[in-house]
Amino acid sequence: MSLSLGYITMKTKYSAFLSMDLSSFKGQWVAISNKKVVSHGKSVKAVYSEAKAKLPNSRPLITKVPDEKTLIF
């Protein structure tokens, strides 16, 4: 089974997300590219738009940083 380049790239971004200290972004959406937060905020649409404006040829990982009340299994 071969893996697509997109899968490998997204897996790398997800690994970066798991290893980053995102405590200052609790409850916010973040866009991650090149192992950096390139945009963050309360609106996923605004975060995506800002990330694409900054890095038009990139495909950022967009995720919400959980707050203290979020339970992850």
N, C-alpha and C. Protein backbone atom coordinates (compact mmCIF):
# COMPACT_ATOMS: atom_id res chain seq x y z
N MET A 1 0.84 -1.19 0.00
CA MET A 1 0.00 0.00 0.00
C MET A 1 0.88 1.24 0.00
N SER A 2 0.63 2.12 -0.92
CA SER A 2 1.42 3.35 -0.98
C SER A 2 0.64 4.49 -0.31
N LEU A 3 1.37 5.39 0.30
CA LEU A 3 0.77 6.55 0.95
C LEU A 3 0.95 7.75 0.05
N SER A 4 -0.08 8.57 -0.03
CA SER A 4 0.03 9.78 -0.83
C SER A 4 0.86 10.82 -0.09
N LEU A 5 1.46 11.72 -0.83
CA LEU A 5 2.25 12.79 -0.24
C LEU A 5 1.40 13.66 0.68
N GLY A 6 0.14 13.87 0.31
CA GLY A 6 -0.77 14.67 1.15
C GLY A 6 -0.97 14.06 2.52
N TYR A 7 -1.09 12.73 2.57
CA TYR A 7 -1.25 12.04 3.85
C TYR A 7 -0.01 12.21 4.72
N ILE A 8 1.15 12.05 4.13
CA ILE A 8 2.40 12.18 4.87
C ILE A 8 2.56 13.60 5.40
N THR A 9 2.26 14.58 4.57
CA THR A 9 2.36 15.98 4.98
C THR A 9 1.39 16.28 6.12
N MET A 10 0.14 15.83 6.02
CA MET A 10 -0.85 16.08 7.05
C MET A 10 -0.46 15.36 8.34
N LYS A 11 0.08 14.15 8.22
CA LYS A 11 0.53 13.42 9.40
C LYS A 11 1.66 14.18 10.10
N THR A 12 2.56 14.77 9.33
CA THR A 12 3.65 15.57 9.90
C THR A 12 3.09 16.79 10.63
N LYS A 13 2.11 17.45 10.04
CA LYS A 13 1.49 18.62 10.67
C LYS A 13 0.75 18.22 11.95
N TYR A 14 0.08 17.06 11.91
CA TYR A 14 -0.63 16.59 13.10
C TYR A 14 0.36 16.25 14.21
N SER A 15 1.47 15.63 13.86
CA SER A 15 2.51 15.31 14.85
C SER A 15 3.06 16.60 15.47
N ALA A 16 3.24 17.62 14.64
CA ALA A 16 3.71 18.92 15.15
C ALA A 16 2.68 19.50 16.11
N PHE A 17 1.39 19.40 15.76
CA PHE A 17 0.31 19.88 16.61
C PHE A 17 0.37 19.21 17.99
N LEU A 18 0.56 17.90 18.01
CA LEU A 18 0.59 17.16 19.27
C LEU A 18 1.77 17.53 20.15
N SER A 19 2.87 17.96 19.53
CA SER A 19 4.07 18.27 20.30
C SER A 19 4.20 19.75 20.68
N MET A 20 3.32 20.58 20.16
CA MET A 20 3.40 22.02 20.41
C MET A 20 2.73 22.41 21.73
N ASP A 21 3.24 23.46 22.35
CA ASP A 21 2.58 24.05 23.51
C ASP A 21 1.60 25.10 23.00
N LEU A 22 0.33 24.74 22.98
CA LEU A 22 -0.70 25.64 22.47
C LEU A 22 -1.59 26.19 23.58
N SER A 23 -1.07 26.19 24.80
CA SER A 23 -1.87 26.62 25.95
C SER A 23 -2.36 28.06 25.84
N SER A 24 -1.64 28.89 25.11
CA SER A 24 -2.08 30.29 24.96
C SER A 24 -3.21 30.42 23.93
N PHE A 25 -3.57 29.32 23.27
CA PHE A 25 -4.64 29.34 22.27
C PHE A 25 -5.85 28.53 22.70
N LYS A 26 -6.00 28.25 23.99
CA LYS A 26 -7.11 27.42 24.48
C LYS A 26 -8.45 27.97 24.02
N GLY A 27 -9.27 27.07 23.48
CA GLY A 27 -10.60 27.44 23.02
C GLY A 27 -10.63 28.12 21.66
N GLN A 28 -9.48 28.27 21.02
CA GLN A 28 -9.41 28.94 19.73
C GLN A 28 -9.10 27.94 18.61
N TRP A 29 -9.42 28.34 17.40
CA TRP A 29 -9.02 27.60 16.21
C TRP A 29 -7.61 28.04 15.86
N VAL A 30 -6.79 27.09 15.41
CA VAL A 30 -5.43 27.40 14.98
C VAL A 30 -5.18 26.79 13.61
N ALA A 31 -4.34 27.46 12.83
CA ALA A 31 -3.86 26.93 11.56
C ALA A 31 -2.38 26.68 11.73
N ILE A 32 -1.94 25.46 11.44
CA ILE A 32 -0.54 25.08 11.62
C ILE A 32 0.05 24.73 10.26
N SER A 33 1.20 25.32 9.98
CA SER A 33 1.95 25.02 8.77
C SER A 33 3.43 25.21 9.08
N ASN A 34 4.25 24.33 8.54
CA ASN A 34 5.70 24.38 8.78
C ASN A 34 6.03 24.39 10.28
N LYS A 35 5.26 23.61 11.04
CA LYS A 35 5.46 23.46 12.49
C LYS A 35 5.31 24.76 13.26
N LYS A 36 4.49 25.69 12.71
CA LYS A 36 4.22 26.97 13.35
C LYS A 36 2.74 27.29 13.28
N VAL A 37 2.25 28.01 14.27
CA VAL A 37 0.89 28.53 14.21
C VAL A 37 0.93 29.77 13.31
N VAL A 38 0.21 29.70 12.20
CA VAL A 38 0.22 30.82 11.24
C VAL A 38 -1.01 31.70 11.37
N SER A 39 -2.04 31.20 12.09
CA SER A 39 -3.24 31.99 12.32
C SER A 39 -3.99 31.37 13.50
N HIS A 40 -4.75 32.19 14.22
CA HIS A 40 -5.57 31.68 15.33
C HIS A 40 -6.71 32.65 15.59
N GLY A 41 -7.78 32.14 16.17
CA GLY A 41 -8.92 32.98 16.50
C GLY A 41 -10.15 32.17 16.83
N LYS A 42 -11.26 32.84 17.06
CA LYS A 42 -12.52 32.20 17.44
C LYS A 42 -13.31 31.67 16.25
N SER A 43 -13.05 32.20 15.05
CA SER A 43 -13.79 31.80 13.85
C SER A 43 -12.91 30.93 12.96
N VAL A 44 -13.37 29.70 12.71
CA VAL A 44 -12.60 28.79 11.86
C VAL A 44 -12.46 29.36 10.44
N LYS A 45 -13.51 30.01 9.97
CA LYS A 45 -13.48 30.60 8.62
C LYS A 45 -12.43 31.71 8.53
N ALA A 46 -12.38 32.57 9.53
CA ALA A 46 -11.40 33.66 9.53
C ALA A 46 -9.98 33.12 9.66
N VAL A 47 -9.80 32.09 10.49
CA VAL A 47 -8.47 31.49 10.66
C VAL A 47 -8.00 30.89 9.34
N TYR A 48 -8.88 30.16 8.68
CA TYR A 48 -8.52 29.56 7.40
C TYR A 48 -8.18 30.64 6.36
N SER A 49 -9.01 31.66 6.28
CA SER A 49 -8.79 32.74 5.30
C SER A 49 -7.45 33.44 5.54
N GLU A 50 -7.14 33.72 6.80
CA GLU A 50 -5.89 34.39 7.12
C GLU A 50 -4.69 33.49 6.79
N ALA A 51 -4.81 32.21 7.11
CA ALA A 51 -3.72 31.28 6.81
C ALA A 51 -3.48 31.17 5.31
N LYS A 52 -4.55 31.09 4.53
CA LYS A 52 -4.40 30.99 3.07
C LYS A 52 -3.86 32.29 2.48
N ALA A 53 -4.20 33.42 3.07
CA ALA A 53 -3.67 34.70 2.60
C ALA A 53 -2.16 34.79 2.87
N LYS A 54 -1.73 34.28 4.02
CA LYS A 54 -0.31 34.32 4.37
C LYS A 54 0.49 33.30 3.57
N LEU A 55 -0.10 32.11 3.37
CA LEU A 55 0.60 31.01 2.69
C LEU A 55 -0.31 30.41 1.63
N PRO A 56 -0.47 31.08 0.49
CA PRO A 56 -1.45 30.65 -0.51
C PRO A 56 -1.18 29.26 -1.10
N ASN A 57 0.05 28.81 -1.09
CA ASN A 57 0.37 27.51 -1.68
C ASN A 57 0.47 26.39 -0.64
N SER A 58 0.07 26.69 0.59
CA SER A 58 0.15 25.73 1.68
C SER A 58 -1.22 25.14 1.96
N ARG A 59 -1.23 23.99 2.59
CA ARG A 59 -2.47 23.37 3.04
C ARG A 59 -2.35 23.20 4.55
N PRO A 60 -2.74 24.21 5.31
CA PRO A 60 -2.52 24.17 6.76
C PRO A 60 -3.44 23.17 7.46
N LEU A 61 -2.99 22.70 8.59
CA LEU A 61 -3.82 21.88 9.47
C LEU A 61 -4.65 22.86 10.30
N ILE A 62 -5.97 22.72 10.25
CA ILE A 62 -6.87 23.57 11.01
C ILE A 62 -7.48 22.71 12.11
N THR A 63 -7.35 23.15 13.35
CA THR A 63 -7.91 22.40 14.47
C THR A 63 -8.26 23.35 15.60
N LYS A 64 -9.12 22.90 16.46
CA LYS A 64 -9.49 23.70 17.62
C LYS A 64 -8.71 23.19 18.83
N VAL A 65 -8.10 24.12 19.55
CA VAL A 65 -7.36 23.77 20.76
C VAL A 65 -8.37 23.65 21.89
N PRO A 66 -8.41 22.48 22.53
CA PRO A 66 -9.40 22.31 23.60
C PRO A 66 -9.13 23.22 24.80
N ASP A 67 -10.20 23.58 25.47
CA ASP A 67 -10.03 24.33 26.72
C ASP A 67 -10.03 23.33 27.89
N GLU A 68 -9.96 23.82 29.10
CA GLU A 68 -9.86 22.94 30.26
C GLU A 68 -11.08 22.05 30.42
N LYS A 69 -12.22 22.47 29.91
CA LYS A 69 -13.46 21.74 30.11
C LYS A 69 -13.66 20.60 29.10
N THR A 70 -12.80 20.51 28.11
CA THR A 70 -12.95 19.50 27.07
C THR A 70 -12.29 18.20 27.50
N LEU A 71 -13.03 17.12 27.41
CA LEU A 71 -12.51 15.81 27.75
C LEU A 71 -12.23 15.06 26.47
N ILE A 72 -11.00 14.64 26.28
CA ILE A 72 -10.60 13.92 25.07
C ILE A 72 -10.32 12.48 25.45
N PHE A 73 -10.95 11.56 24.74
CA PHE A 73 -10.74 10.13 24.99
C PHE A 73 -9.66 9.60 24.09
